[in-house]
Amino acid sequence: MSVKIKLSRVGARKQPSYRVVVIDSRKKINGRYIEKLGHYDPKPDKFKFEIDKDRAMYWLEQGAIPSPTVKSLLKKDGILKDFHNKKFGIEEPSEQESEEDLASEDEE
């Protein structure tokens, strides 16, 4: 069973709003979904995107494939970077460590 993370349209005519859902790839886009991860509202001046990061990471680890639009939203939110770092065991240096490294380079 192939699982995908997609946008499912909700809302009135000419007022789109979307749910971010995990769905079996064989189901219709607005069909029965496995889990709702969050929502996306493209209408306001600054778009509104809220997602449960822990559950999104879980589904990405299980092999769920995000649609192109969801992938770009996850990238903007930093979830894909966190997933990549966790997958390949890359440790992000804390800001305090990086500031100390810059200070030590300036002294030399």
C-alpha atoms as a PDB file:
ATOM      1  CA  MET A   1       0.000   0.000   0.000  1.00  0.00           C
ATOM      2  CA  SER A   2       1.483   3.306  -1.104  1.00  0.00           C
ATOM      3  CA  VAL A   3       0.712   6.191   1.222  1.00  0.00           C
ATOM      4  CA  LYS A   4       0.853   9.840   0.192  1.00  0.00           C
ATOM      5  CA  ILE A   5       0.568  13.175   1.976  1.00  0.00           C
ATOM      6  CA  LYS A   6      -1.793  15.363  -0.038  1.00  0.00           C
ATOM      7  CA  LEU A   7      -4.013  18.416   0.150  1.00  0.00           C
ATOM      8  CA  SER A   8      -7.762  17.782   0.314  1.00  0.00           C
ATOM      9  CA  ARG A   9      -9.904  20.772  -0.666  1.00  0.00           C
ATOM     10  CA  VAL A  10     -12.574  22.028   1.715  1.00  0.00           C
ATOM     11  CA  GLY A  11     -14.371  25.348   1.922  1.00  0.00           C
ATOM     12  CA  ALA A  12     -16.961  27.224  -0.088  1.00  0.00           C
ATOM     13  CA  ARG A  13     -16.840  28.109  -3.759  1.00  0.00           C
ATOM     14  CA  LYS A  14     -14.076  30.637  -4.518  1.00  0.00           C
ATOM     15  CA  GLN A  15     -12.875  30.385  -0.903  1.00  0.00           C
ATOM     16  CA  PRO A  16     -10.483  27.447  -0.948  1.00  0.00           C
ATOM     17  CA  SER A  17      -9.062  25.934   2.168  1.00  0.00           C
ATOM     18  CA  TYR A  18      -7.187  22.657   2.359  1.00  0.00           C
ATOM     19  CA  ARG A  19      -6.609  19.829   4.818  1.00  0.00           C
ATOM     20  CA  VAL A  20      -3.208  18.166   4.849  1.00  0.00           C
ATOM     21  CA  VAL A  21      -4.050  14.466   4.946  1.00  0.00           C
ATOM     22  CA  VAL A  22      -2.326  11.095   4.784  1.00  0.00           C
ATOM     23  CA  ILE A  23      -4.187   8.989   2.249  1.00  0.00           C
ATOM     24  CA  ASP A  24      -3.826   5.702   0.397  1.00  0.00           C
ATOM     25  CA  SER A  25      -2.693   6.564  -3.141  1.00  0.00           C
ATOM     26  CA  ARG A  26      -5.507   4.470  -4.638  1.00  0.00           C
ATOM     27  CA  LYS A  27      -8.249   6.539  -2.961  1.00  0.00           C
ATOM     28  CA  LYS A  28      -9.892   9.656  -4.390  1.00  0.00           C
ATOM     29  CA  ILE A  29      -8.344  12.924  -3.226  1.00  0.00           C
ATOM     30  CA  ASN A  30     -11.416  13.897  -1.190  1.00  0.00           C
ATOM     31  CA  GLY A  31     -12.093  10.311  -0.136  1.00  0.00           C
ATOM     32  CA  ARG A  32     -11.534   8.659   3.188  1.00  0.00           C
ATOM     33  CA  TYR A  33      -8.147   9.539   4.619  1.00  0.00           C
ATOM     34  CA  ILE A  34      -5.970   7.763   7.167  1.00  0.00           C
ATOM     35  CA  GLU A  35      -5.050  10.808   9.250  1.00  0.00           C
ATOM     36  CA  LYS A  36      -5.439  14.578   9.166  1.00  0.00           C
ATOM     37  CA  LEU A  37      -2.099  16.283   9.810  1.00  0.00           C
ATOM     38  CA  GLY A  38      -3.103  19.947   9.593  1.00  0.00           C
ATOM     39  CA  HIS A  39      -4.558  22.613   7.348  1.00  0.00           C
ATOM     40  CA  TYR A  40      -3.494  25.192   4.771  1.00  0.00           C
ATOM     41  CA  ASP A  41      -5.276  28.437   3.896  1.00  0.00           C
ATOM     42  CA  PRO A  42      -3.740  30.168   0.857  1.00  0.00           C
ATOM     43  CA  LYS A  43      -6.113  33.175   0.855  1.00  0.00           C
ATOM     44  CA  PRO A  44      -4.746  35.557   3.519  1.00  0.00           C
ATOM     45  CA  ASP A  45      -1.916  37.954   2.661  1.00  0.00           C
ATOM     46  CA  LYS A  46       0.454  35.755   4.618  1.00  0.00           C
ATOM     47  CA  PHE A  47      -0.623  32.190   3.954  1.00  0.00           C
ATOM     48  CA  LYS A  48      -1.671  30.126   6.951  1.00  0.00           C
ATOM     49  CA  PHE A  49      -0.135  26.655   7.275  1.00  0.00           C
ATOM     50  CA  GLU A  50      -0.386  24.590  10.434  1.00  0.00           C
ATOM     51  CA  ILE A  51       0.725  20.987  10.732  1.00  0.00           C
ATOM     52  CA  ASP A  52       1.489  18.467  13.468  1.00  0.00           C
ATOM     53  CA  LYS A  53       5.264  18.191  12.965  1.00  0.00           C
ATOM     54  CA  ASP A  54       5.675  15.004  15.001  1.00  0.00           C
ATOM     55  CA  ARG A  55       3.042  13.130  12.995  1.00  0.00           C
ATOM     56  CA  ALA A  56       4.397  14.468   9.690  1.00  0.00           C
ATOM     57  CA  MET A  57       7.869  13.225  10.636  1.00  0.00           C
ATOM     58  CA  TYR A  58       6.366   9.852  11.610  1.00  0.00           C
ATOM     59  CA  TRP A  59       4.634   9.431   8.241  1.00  0.00           C
ATOM     60  CA  LEU A  60       7.725  10.535   6.303  1.00  0.00           C
ATOM     61  CA  GLU A  61       9.751   7.940   8.225  1.00  0.00           C
ATOM     62  CA  GLN A  62       7.152   5.298   7.321  1.00  0.00           C
ATOM     63  CA  GLY A  63       7.661   6.083   3.628  1.00  0.00           C
ATOM     64  CA  ALA A  64       4.762   8.420   2.864  1.00  0.00           C
ATOM     65  CA  ILE A  65       5.406  10.464  -0.272  1.00  0.00           C
ATOM     66  CA  PRO A  66       4.368  14.141  -0.156  1.00  0.00           C
ATOM     67  CA  SER A  67       2.700  15.700  -3.196  1.00  0.00           C
ATOM     68  CA  PRO A  68       4.691  18.521  -4.855  1.00  0.00           C
ATOM     69  CA  THR A  69       2.631  21.244  -3.147  1.00  0.00           C
ATOM     70  CA  VAL A  70       2.845  19.596   0.268  1.00  0.00           C
ATOM     71  CA  LYS A  71       6.564  19.052  -0.263  1.00  0.00           C
ATOM     72  CA  SER A  72       7.103  22.778  -0.840  1.00  0.00           C
ATOM     73  CA  LEU A  73       5.044  23.624   2.260  1.00  0.00           C
ATOM     74  CA  LEU A  74       7.015  21.144   4.375  1.00  0.00           C
ATOM     75  CA  LYS A  75      10.242  22.621   3.028  1.00  0.00           C
ATOM     76  CA  LYS A  76       9.150  26.159   3.998  1.00  0.00           C
ATOM     77  CA  ASP A  77       8.244  24.929   7.471  1.00  0.00           C
ATOM     78  CA  GLY A  78      11.608  23.165   7.912  1.00  0.00           C
ATOM     79  CA  ILE A  79      10.153  19.698   8.366  1.00  0.00           C
ATOM     80  CA  LEU A  80      11.889  18.203   5.317  1.00  0.00           C
ATOM     81  CA  LYS A  81      15.256  19.510   6.505  1.00  0.00           C
ATOM     82  CA  ASP A  82      14.689  17.954   9.947  1.00  0.00           C
ATOM     83  CA  PHE A  83      13.652  14.680   8.284  1.00  0.00           C
ATOM     84  CA  HIS A  84      16.752  14.676   6.067  1.00  0.00           C
ATOM     85  CA  ASN A  85      19.048  15.413   9.017  1.00  0.00           C
ATOM     86  CA  LYS A  86      17.456  12.662  11.104  1.00  0.00           C
ATOM     87  CA  LYS A  87      17.565  10.166   8.238  1.00  0.00           C
ATOM     88  CA  PHE A  88      21.262  10.680   7.560  1.00  0.00           C
ATOM     89  CA  GLY A  89      22.290  11.279  11.179  1.00  0.00           C
ATOM     90  CA  ILE A  90      23.415  14.871  10.637  1.00  0.00           C
ATOM     91  CA  GLU A  91      23.610  16.853  13.851  1.00  0.00           C
ATOM     92  CA  GLU A  92      22.770  20.534  13.573  1.00  0.00           C
ATOM     93  CA  PRO A  93      25.192  22.647  15.608  1.00  0.00           C
ATOM     94  CA  SER A  94      23.435  24.686  18.228  1.00  0.00           C
ATOM     95  CA  GLU A  95      23.521  28.462  17.780  1.00  0.00           C
ATOM     96  CA  GLN A  96      25.654  28.839  20.884  1.00  0.00           C
ATOM     97  CA  GLU A  97      28.310  26.473  19.511  1.00  0.00           C
ATOM     98  CA  SER A  98      28.385  28.210  16.142  1.00  0.00           C
ATOM     99  CA  GLU A  99      28.806  31.615  17.840  1.00  0.00           C
ATOM    100  CA  GLU A 100      31.717  30.221  19.879  1.00  0.00           C
ATOM    101  CA  ASP A 101      33.336  28.859  16.698  1.00  0.00           C
ATOM    102  CA  LEU A 102      33.047  32.274  15.012  1.00  0.00           C
ATOM    103  CA  ALA A 103      34.514  34.005  18.066  1.00  0.00           C
ATOM    104  CA  SER A 104      37.477  31.601  18.167  1.00  0.00           C
ATOM    105  CA  GLU A 105      38.137  32.175  14.434  1.00  0.00           C
ATOM    106  CA  ASP A 106      38.128  35.959  14.952  1.00  0.00           C
ATOM    107  CA  GLU A 107      40.746  35.681  17.737  1.00  0.00           C
ATOM    108  CA  GLU A 108      43.164  33.763  15.473  1.00  0.00           C
END
